[in-house]
Amino acid sequence: MPERESKTIARNRKAFHDYFIEDTYEAGIELTGTEVSSLRENNCQLTDCYVLIRNGEAWLHGVHIAPYSHGNIFNVDSDRPRRLLMHKHEIVQLYERVRERGFALVPVSMYFNRRNRVKVQVGVARGKKEFDKRATLAERDAKRTVERAMKERGRG
């Protein structure tokens, strides 16, 4: 059987704009059946969400998974906190990094892996200043201009 690639459900593009992503970790997520069905319909928003570590557990706050269209009474609250499934030593590592000044845990993307399990990629992030954001935008514009010039030159 051919290897199945992971299917991206949602990406947190705002996280790359607001933070420098230092390191990433993969985590499972505890969901109900109707939430998984809703994710198969790509009903998820990762903007303005974050990860907190409480009592040795990682919790995902602020993620919005829309109610499943055929879910009736089995639908749960769409903005409830969801537990992330990680190894204990990874949670301890993340907790130590977050205690440092200026670091935060933000979800970068949510996807189905090869075994059809929902996974969340959590980034250890350091906040950007306003001038860093402007520099990133200027760098992206310059890169786009160079690519456009190379494309025109190739047509020549």
N, C-alpha and C. Protein backbone atom coordinates (compact mmCIF):
# COMPACT_ATOMS: atom_id res chain seq x y z
N MET A 1 0.83 -1.18 0.00
CA MET A 1 0.00 0.00 0.00
C MET A 1 0.87 1.25 0.00
N PRO A 2 0.49 2.26 -0.75
CA PRO A 2 1.29 3.48 -0.75
C PRO A 2 1.16 4.23 0.57
N GLU A 3 2.23 4.93 0.95
CA GLU A 3 2.22 5.71 2.18
C GLU A 3 1.30 6.91 2.03
N ARG A 4 0.43 7.12 3.01
CA ARG A 4 -0.50 8.23 2.98
C ARG A 4 0.15 9.43 3.65
N GLU A 5 0.13 10.57 2.99
CA GLU A 5 0.69 11.78 3.58
C GLU A 5 -0.28 12.36 4.60
N SER A 6 0.24 13.20 5.48
CA SER A 6 -0.63 13.83 6.47
C SER A 6 -1.48 14.90 5.80
N LYS A 7 -2.73 15.04 6.27
CA LYS A 7 -3.67 15.99 5.70
C LYS A 7 -3.84 17.16 6.67
N THR A 8 -3.47 18.34 6.23
CA THR A 8 -3.55 19.52 7.08
C THR A 8 -4.99 19.96 7.24
N ILE A 9 -5.40 20.18 8.48
CA ILE A 9 -6.74 20.66 8.79
C ILE A 9 -6.71 22.19 8.88
N ALA A 10 -5.77 22.72 9.66
CA ALA A 10 -5.68 24.17 9.85
C ALA A 10 -4.24 24.55 10.18
N ARG A 11 -3.86 25.75 9.74
CA ARG A 11 -2.55 26.31 10.07
C ARG A 11 -2.75 27.64 10.76
N ASN A 12 -1.90 27.93 11.71
CA ASN A 12 -1.97 29.19 12.45
C ASN A 12 -0.96 30.16 11.84
N ARG A 13 -1.37 30.83 10.77
CA ARG A 13 -0.46 31.74 10.07
C ARG A 13 -0.14 32.96 10.91
N LYS A 14 -1.06 33.33 11.79
CA LYS A 14 -0.83 34.48 12.65
C LYS A 14 0.32 34.23 13.63
N ALA A 15 0.50 32.97 14.01
CA ALA A 15 1.59 32.63 14.94
C ALA A 15 2.94 32.94 14.32
N PHE A 16 3.10 32.69 13.01
CA PHE A 16 4.37 32.97 12.36
C PHE A 16 4.59 34.47 12.20
N HIS A 17 3.51 35.24 12.17
CA HIS A 17 3.62 36.69 12.07
C HIS A 17 3.95 37.31 13.42
N ASP A 18 3.39 36.79 14.49
CA ASP A 18 3.55 37.38 15.81
C ASP A 18 4.71 36.82 16.63
N TYR A 19 5.24 35.64 16.25
CA TYR A 19 6.25 34.98 17.07
C TYR A 19 7.40 34.43 16.21
N PHE A 20 8.56 34.28 16.85
CA PHE A 20 9.64 33.48 16.31
C PHE A 20 9.42 32.07 16.86
N ILE A 21 9.23 31.08 16.02
CA ILE A 21 9.02 29.70 16.48
C ILE A 21 10.40 29.07 16.67
N GLU A 22 10.75 28.82 17.93
CA GLU A 22 12.07 28.28 18.26
C GLU A 22 12.14 26.77 18.04
N ASP A 23 11.10 26.06 18.48
CA ASP A 23 11.11 24.61 18.45
C ASP A 23 9.66 24.12 18.33
N THR A 24 9.46 22.93 17.77
CA THR A 24 8.10 22.40 17.65
C THR A 24 8.02 21.00 18.23
N TYR A 25 6.86 20.68 18.76
CA TYR A 25 6.57 19.36 19.32
C TYR A 25 5.27 18.87 18.71
N GLU A 26 5.14 17.56 18.57
CA GLU A 26 3.90 16.97 18.08
C GLU A 26 3.13 16.42 19.28
N ALA A 27 1.82 16.70 19.29
CA ALA A 27 0.98 16.25 20.39
C ALA A 27 -0.32 15.70 19.84
N GLY A 28 -0.84 14.68 20.51
CA GLY A 28 -2.18 14.21 20.20
C GLY A 28 -3.16 15.12 20.91
N ILE A 29 -4.43 14.96 20.60
CA ILE A 29 -5.45 15.80 21.22
C ILE A 29 -6.65 14.93 21.58
N GLU A 30 -7.22 15.19 22.74
CA GLU A 30 -8.36 14.41 23.23
C GLU A 30 -9.65 15.04 22.69
N LEU A 31 -10.35 14.31 21.81
CA LEU A 31 -11.55 14.81 21.15
C LEU A 31 -12.70 13.84 21.29
N THR A 32 -13.91 14.33 21.05
CA THR A 32 -15.07 13.45 20.97
C THR A 32 -15.29 13.06 19.51
N GLY A 33 -16.17 12.11 19.27
CA GLY A 33 -16.40 11.62 17.91
C GLY A 33 -16.93 12.67 16.96
N THR A 34 -17.86 13.51 17.45
CA THR A 34 -18.42 14.53 16.56
C THR A 34 -17.39 15.61 16.23
N GLU A 35 -16.44 15.85 17.15
CA GLU A 35 -15.38 16.83 16.85
C GLU A 35 -14.48 16.32 15.74
N VAL A 36 -14.16 15.03 15.76
CA VAL A 36 -13.33 14.46 14.70
C VAL A 36 -14.06 14.54 13.36
N SER A 37 -15.36 14.24 13.37
CA SER A 37 -16.15 14.34 12.14
C SER A 37 -16.18 15.77 11.63
N SER A 38 -16.28 16.73 12.53
CA SER A 38 -16.27 18.12 12.13
C SER A 38 -14.91 18.51 11.55
N LEU A 39 -13.83 17.98 12.12
CA LEU A 39 -12.49 18.26 11.58
C LEU A 39 -12.31 17.67 10.18
N ARG A 40 -12.96 16.56 9.91
CA ARG A 40 -12.89 15.99 8.56
C ARG A 40 -13.53 16.91 7.54
N GLU A 41 -14.46 17.77 8.01
CA GLU A 41 -15.07 18.78 7.14
C GLU A 41 -14.28 20.09 7.16
N ASN A 42 -13.10 20.10 7.76
CA ASN A 42 -12.21 21.27 7.88
C ASN A 42 -12.86 22.43 8.62
N ASN A 43 -13.60 22.15 9.68
CA ASN A 43 -14.24 23.19 10.47
C ASN A 43 -13.41 23.49 11.72
N CYS A 44 -12.30 24.20 11.55
CA CYS A 44 -11.41 24.48 12.68
C CYS A 44 -10.72 25.82 12.47
N GLN A 45 -10.54 26.57 13.57
CA GLN A 45 -9.81 27.83 13.54
C GLN A 45 -8.78 27.82 14.66
N LEU A 46 -7.52 28.11 14.30
CA LEU A 46 -6.44 28.11 15.29
C LEU A 46 -5.99 29.51 15.67
N THR A 47 -6.61 30.56 15.13
CA THR A 47 -6.16 31.91 15.46
C THR A 47 -6.48 32.22 16.92
N ASP A 48 -5.60 32.95 17.56
CA ASP A 48 -5.76 33.39 18.95
C ASP A 48 -5.89 32.24 19.94
N CYS A 49 -5.26 31.11 19.67
CA CYS A 49 -5.30 30.02 20.65
C CYS A 49 -3.90 29.83 21.23
N TYR A 50 -3.84 29.17 22.37
CA TYR A 50 -2.59 29.02 23.10
C TYR A 50 -2.64 27.73 23.91
N VAL A 51 -1.47 27.34 24.43
CA VAL A 51 -1.36 26.13 25.24
C VAL A 51 -0.93 26.53 26.64
N LEU A 52 -1.62 26.00 27.65
CA LEU A 52 -1.25 26.19 29.04
C LEU A 52 -0.90 24.85 29.66
N ILE A 53 0.03 24.88 30.61
CA ILE A 53 0.40 23.66 31.33
C ILE A 53 -0.06 23.83 32.77
N ARG A 54 -1.00 22.95 33.19
CA ARG A 54 -1.55 22.99 34.53
C ARG A 54 -1.56 21.58 35.10
N ASN A 55 -1.08 21.44 36.32
CA ASN A 55 -1.08 20.16 37.03
C ASN A 55 -0.43 19.04 36.22
N GLY A 56 0.64 19.35 35.51
CA GLY A 56 1.35 18.33 34.74
C GLY A 56 0.65 17.90 33.46
N GLU A 57 -0.36 18.66 33.02
CA GLU A 57 -1.07 18.36 31.77
C GLU A 57 -1.05 19.59 30.88
N ALA A 58 -1.00 19.35 29.58
CA ALA A 58 -1.03 20.45 28.60
C ALA A 58 -2.45 20.61 28.08
N TRP A 59 -2.95 21.84 28.08
CA TRP A 59 -4.32 22.13 27.66
C TRP A 59 -4.30 23.14 26.52
N LEU A 60 -5.11 22.88 25.52
CA LEU A 60 -5.24 23.77 24.36
C LEU A 60 -6.47 24.65 24.57
N HIS A 61 -6.26 25.96 24.63
CA HIS A 61 -7.34 26.92 24.87
C HIS A 61 -7.56 27.78 23.63
N GLY A 62 -8.81 28.15 23.39
CA GLY A 62 -9.12 29.11 22.34
C GLY A 62 -9.29 28.55 20.95
N VAL A 63 -9.11 27.25 20.76
CA VAL A 63 -9.31 26.66 19.44
C VAL A 63 -10.82 26.48 19.23
N HIS A 64 -11.27 26.82 18.03
CA HIS A 64 -12.70 26.72 17.72
C HIS A 64 -12.92 25.59 16.72
N ILE A 65 -13.59 24.53 17.16
CA ILE A 65 -14.00 23.44 16.28
C ILE A 65 -15.51 23.54 16.16
N ALA A 66 -15.99 23.89 14.98
CA ALA A 66 -17.42 24.12 14.76
C ALA A 66 -18.20 22.83 15.03
N PRO A 67 -19.44 22.95 15.50
CA PRO A 67 -20.25 21.76 15.74
C PRO A 67 -20.46 20.97 14.44
N TYR A 68 -20.47 19.65 14.56
CA TYR A 68 -20.66 18.78 13.41
C TYR A 68 -22.07 18.96 12.87
N SER A 69 -22.20 19.04 11.55
CA SER A 69 -23.49 19.35 10.93
C SER A 69 -24.54 18.27 11.20
N HIS A 70 -24.15 17.01 11.39
CA HIS A 70 -25.11 15.94 11.65
C HIS A 70 -24.96 15.40 13.08
N GLY A 71 -24.49 16.24 14.00
CA GLY A 71 -24.13 15.77 15.34
C GLY A 71 -25.23 15.76 16.35
N ASN A 72 -26.31 16.47 16.18
CA ASN A 72 -27.44 16.64 17.11
C ASN A 72 -27.00 16.77 18.57
N ILE A 73 -27.48 15.94 19.49
CA ILE A 73 -27.21 16.11 20.92
C ILE A 73 -25.77 15.74 21.31
N PHE A 74 -25.04 15.10 20.42
CA PHE A 74 -23.68 14.67 20.77
C PHE A 74 -22.64 15.76 20.56
N ASN A 75 -23.02 16.89 19.96
CA ASN A 75 -22.09 18.00 19.80
C ASN A 75 -21.74 18.58 21.17
N VAL A 76 -20.48 18.96 21.33
CA VAL A 76 -20.01 19.56 22.59
C VAL A 76 -19.72 21.03 22.34
N ASP A 77 -19.38 21.75 23.40
CA ASP A 77 -19.06 23.17 23.29
C ASP A 77 -17.89 23.36 22.32
N SER A 78 -18.05 24.25 21.37
CA SER A 78 -17.06 24.40 20.30
C SER A 78 -15.78 25.08 20.77
N ASP A 79 -15.81 25.82 21.89
CA ASP A 79 -14.62 26.54 22.36
C ASP A 79 -14.07 26.01 23.68
N ARG A 80 -14.39 24.78 24.03
CA ARG A 80 -13.94 24.23 25.31
C ARG A 80 -12.43 23.96 25.28
N PRO A 81 -11.76 23.98 26.45
CA PRO A 81 -10.35 23.60 26.49
C PRO A 81 -10.21 22.10 26.21
N ARG A 82 -9.19 21.74 25.46
CA ARG A 82 -8.97 20.33 25.11
C ARG A 82 -7.59 19.91 25.60
N ARG A 83 -7.52 18.70 26.13
CA ARG A 83 -6.26 18.19 26.67
C ARG A 83 -5.37 17.70 25.54
N LEU A 84 -4.10 18.06 25.61
CA LEU A 84 -3.12 17.57 24.66
C LEU A 84 -2.45 16.33 25.23
N LEU A 85 -2.20 15.36 24.38
CA LEU A 85 -1.62 14.09 24.80
C LEU A 85 -0.14 14.09 24.42
N MET A 86 0.70 14.19 25.45
CA MET A 86 2.15 14.22 25.25
C MET A 86 2.81 13.38 26.34
N HIS A 87 4.06 13.00 26.08
CA HIS A 87 4.82 12.29 27.10
C HIS A 87 5.12 13.24 28.25
N LYS A 88 5.21 12.68 29.45
CA LYS A 88 5.43 13.48 30.65
C LYS A 88 6.74 14.27 30.56
N HIS A 89 7.78 13.65 30.03
CA HIS A 89 9.06 14.36 29.95
C HIS A 89 9.00 15.52 28.96
N GLU A 90 8.17 15.41 27.92
CA GLU A 90 8.00 16.52 26.98
C GLU A 90 7.26 17.67 27.66
N ILE A 91 6.25 17.35 28.45
CA ILE A 91 5.49 18.39 29.15
C ILE A 91 6.40 19.11 30.15
N VAL A 92 7.27 18.36 30.83
CA VAL A 92 8.20 18.98 31.77
C VAL A 92 9.17 19.89 31.03
N GLN A 93 9.68 19.43 29.87
CA GLN A 93 10.57 20.27 29.05
C GLN A 93 9.89 21.56 28.64
N LEU A 94 8.65 21.45 28.17
CA LEU A 94 7.90 22.63 27.75
C LEU A 94 7.67 23.58 28.92
N TYR A 95 7.34 23.03 30.07
CA TYR A 95 7.10 23.86 31.25
C TYR A 95 8.35 24.64 31.63
N GLU A 96 9.51 23.99 31.57
CA GLU A 96 10.77 24.65 31.89
C GLU A 96 11.06 25.78 30.90
N ARG A 97 10.80 25.54 29.61
CA ARG A 97 11.06 26.57 28.59
C ARG A 97 10.10 27.75 28.74
N VAL A 98 8.85 27.48 29.10
CA VAL A 98 7.85 28.54 29.23
C VAL A 98 8.14 29.43 30.43
N ARG A 99 8.74 28.86 31.46
CA ARG A 99 9.08 29.66 32.64
C ARG A 99 10.12 30.71 32.31
N GLU A 100 10.91 30.48 31.24
CA GLU A 100 11.88 31.50 30.82
C GLU A 100 11.13 32.74 30.34
N ARG A 101 11.79 33.85 30.38
CA ARG A 101 11.15 35.12 30.03
C ARG A 101 10.88 35.21 28.53
N GLY A 102 9.63 35.53 28.18
CA GLY A 102 9.31 35.81 26.79
C GLY A 102 8.88 34.62 25.95
N PHE A 103 8.82 33.43 26.50
CA PHE A 103 8.41 32.27 25.72
C PHE A 103 6.94 31.95 25.95
N ALA A 104 6.30 31.44 24.90
CA ALA A 104 4.90 31.03 24.98
C ALA A 104 4.73 29.76 24.17
N LEU A 105 3.65 29.04 24.41
CA LEU A 105 3.33 27.83 23.65
C LEU A 105 2.14 28.15 22.75
N VAL A 106 2.35 28.02 21.45
CA VAL A 106 1.26 28.29 20.50
C VAL A 106 1.12 27.11 19.55
N PRO A 107 -0.11 26.73 19.23
CA PRO A 107 -0.30 25.69 18.22
C PRO A 107 0.01 26.26 16.84
N VAL A 108 0.80 25.53 16.08
CA VAL A 108 1.21 25.98 14.75
C VAL A 108 0.30 25.39 13.68
N SER A 109 -0.03 24.11 13.81
CA SER A 109 -0.92 23.49 12.83
C SER A 109 -1.64 22.31 13.46
N MET A 110 -2.73 21.90 12.80
CA MET A 110 -3.49 20.73 13.21
C MET A 110 -3.68 19.88 11.96
N TYR A 111 -3.47 18.58 12.09
CA TYR A 111 -3.52 17.72 10.91
C TYR A 111 -3.86 16.29 11.28
N PHE A 112 -4.27 15.52 10.27
CA PHE A 112 -4.44 14.08 10.42
C PHE A 112 -3.12 13.44 10.01
N ASN A 113 -2.56 12.57 10.85
CA ASN A 113 -1.32 11.91 10.47
C ASN A 113 -1.62 10.70 9.57
N ARG A 114 -0.61 9.91 9.27
CA ARG A 114 -0.78 8.77 8.35
C ARG A 114 -1.76 7.74 8.88
N ARG A 115 -1.89 7.65 10.20
CA ARG A 115 -2.81 6.67 10.80
C ARG A 115 -4.18 7.28 11.13
N ASN A 116 -4.48 8.43 10.52
CA ASN A 116 -5.75 9.14 10.70
C ASN A 116 -6.00 9.58 12.14
N ARG A 117 -4.95 9.89 12.85
CA ARG A 117 -5.08 10.45 14.19
C ARG A 117 -4.91 11.96 14.08
N VAL A 118 -5.67 12.70 14.86
CA VAL A 118 -5.56 14.16 14.86
C VAL A 118 -4.36 14.55 15.71
N LYS A 119 -3.46 15.32 15.13
CA LYS A 119 -2.26 15.78 15.82
C LYS A 119 -2.19 17.29 15.78
N VAL A 120 -1.57 17.87 16.81
CA VAL A 120 -1.36 19.31 16.88
C VAL A 120 0.14 19.54 16.98
N GLN A 121 0.65 20.44 16.15
CA GLN A 121 2.05 20.80 16.23
C GLN A 121 2.14 22.05 17.11
N VAL A 122 2.82 21.91 18.26
CA VAL A 122 2.93 22.99 19.24
C VAL A 122 4.31 23.61 19.11
N GLY A 123 4.34 24.93 19.00
CA GLY A 123 5.60 25.64 18.87
C GLY A 123 5.96 26.38 20.14
N VAL A 124 7.25 26.32 20.50
CA VAL A 124 7.77 27.14 21.58
C VAL A 124 8.16 28.46 20.93
N ALA A 125 7.47 29.54 21.30
CA ALA A 125 7.58 30.79 20.56
C ALA A 125 8.07 31.93 21.43
N ARG A 126 8.81 32.82 20.79
CA ARG A 126 9.27 34.05 21.44
C ARG A 126 8.63 35.20 20.68
N GLY A 127 8.04 36.14 21.38
CA GLY A 127 7.30 37.23 20.75
C GLY A 127 8.17 38.13 19.90
N LYS A 128 7.61 38.59 18.79
CA LYS A 128 8.30 39.53 17.92
C LYS A 128 7.95 40.96 18.33
N LYS A 129 8.90 41.84 18.15
CA LYS A 129 8.64 43.26 18.31
C LYS A 129 8.09 43.79 16.99
N GLU A 130 7.59 45.01 17.00
CA GLU A 130 6.98 45.59 15.80
C GLU A 130 7.98 45.71 14.66
N PHE A 131 9.23 46.09 14.96
CA PHE A 131 10.22 46.23 13.90
C PHE A 131 10.61 44.87 13.32
N ASP A 132 10.53 43.79 14.13
CA ASP A 132 10.79 42.45 13.61
C ASP A 132 9.72 42.05 12.60
N LYS A 133 8.46 42.40 12.91
CA LYS A 133 7.37 42.08 12.00
C LYS A 133 7.53 42.81 10.68
N ARG A 134 7.92 44.09 10.75
CA ARG A 134 8.13 44.86 9.51
C ARG A 134 9.28 44.29 8.71
N ALA A 135 10.35 43.88 9.39
CA ALA A 135 11.50 43.30 8.69
C ALA A 135 11.12 42.00 8.00
N THR A 136 10.30 41.19 8.65
CA THR A 136 9.85 39.93 8.05
C THR A 136 9.02 40.20 6.80
N LEU A 137 8.12 41.18 6.88
CA LEU A 137 7.31 41.53 5.71
C LEU A 137 8.17 42.06 4.57
N ALA A 138 9.15 42.91 4.88
CA ALA A 138 10.04 43.45 3.85
C ALA A 138 10.86 42.34 3.20
N GLU A 139 11.33 41.40 4.01
CA GLU A 139 12.10 40.27 3.49
C GLU A 139 11.26 39.41 2.55
N ARG A 140 10.01 39.18 2.94
CA ARG A 140 9.10 38.38 2.11
C ARG A 140 8.80 39.09 0.79
N ASP A 141 8.61 40.42 0.83
CA ASP A 141 8.37 41.19 -0.40
C ASP A 141 9.59 41.15 -1.32
N ALA A 142 10.78 41.28 -0.75
CA ALA A 142 12.00 41.24 -1.55
C ALA A 142 12.17 39.87 -2.20
N LYS A 143 11.88 38.83 -1.47
CA LYS A 143 11.98 37.47 -2.00
C LYS A 143 11.00 37.26 -3.15
N ARG A 144 9.79 37.78 -2.99
CA ARG A 144 8.77 37.67 -4.03
C ARG A 144 9.19 38.44 -5.29
N THR A 145 9.79 39.61 -5.11
CA THR A 145 10.26 40.42 -6.25
C THR A 145 11.36 39.69 -7.01
N VAL A 146 12.29 39.08 -6.27
CA VAL A 146 13.38 38.33 -6.92
C VAL A 146 12.83 37.14 -7.69
N GLU A 147 11.88 36.42 -7.09
CA GLU A 147 11.29 35.27 -7.79
C GLU A 147 10.56 35.70 -9.05
N ARG A 148 9.87 36.84 -8.98
CA ARG A 148 9.15 37.35 -10.13
C ARG A 148 10.14 37.74 -11.25
N ALA A 149 11.26 38.36 -10.87
CA ALA A 149 12.27 38.75 -11.85
C ALA A 149 12.90 37.51 -12.50
N MET A 150 13.14 36.48 -11.72
CA MET A 150 13.73 35.25 -12.26
C MET A 150 12.76 34.58 -13.20
N LYS A 151 11.49 34.62 -12.88
CA LYS A 151 10.48 34.02 -13.74
C LYS A 151 10.39 34.76 -15.07
N GLU A 152 10.42 36.11 -15.02
CA GLU A 152 10.40 36.91 -16.25
C GLU A 152 11.64 36.64 -17.08
N ARG A 153 12.77 36.50 -16.44
CA ARG A 153 14.03 36.27 -17.14
C ARG A 153 14.01 34.91 -17.86
N GLY A 154 13.37 33.91 -17.20
CA GLY A 154 13.28 32.59 -17.79
C GLY A 154 12.41 32.58 -19.04
N ARG A 155 11.41 33.42 -19.08
CA ARG A 155 10.53 33.48 -20.25
C ARG A 155 11.23 34.14 -21.43
N GLY A 156 12.09 35.10 -21.10
CA GLY A 156 12.86 35.94 -21.95
C GLY A 156 12.82 35.79 -23.36
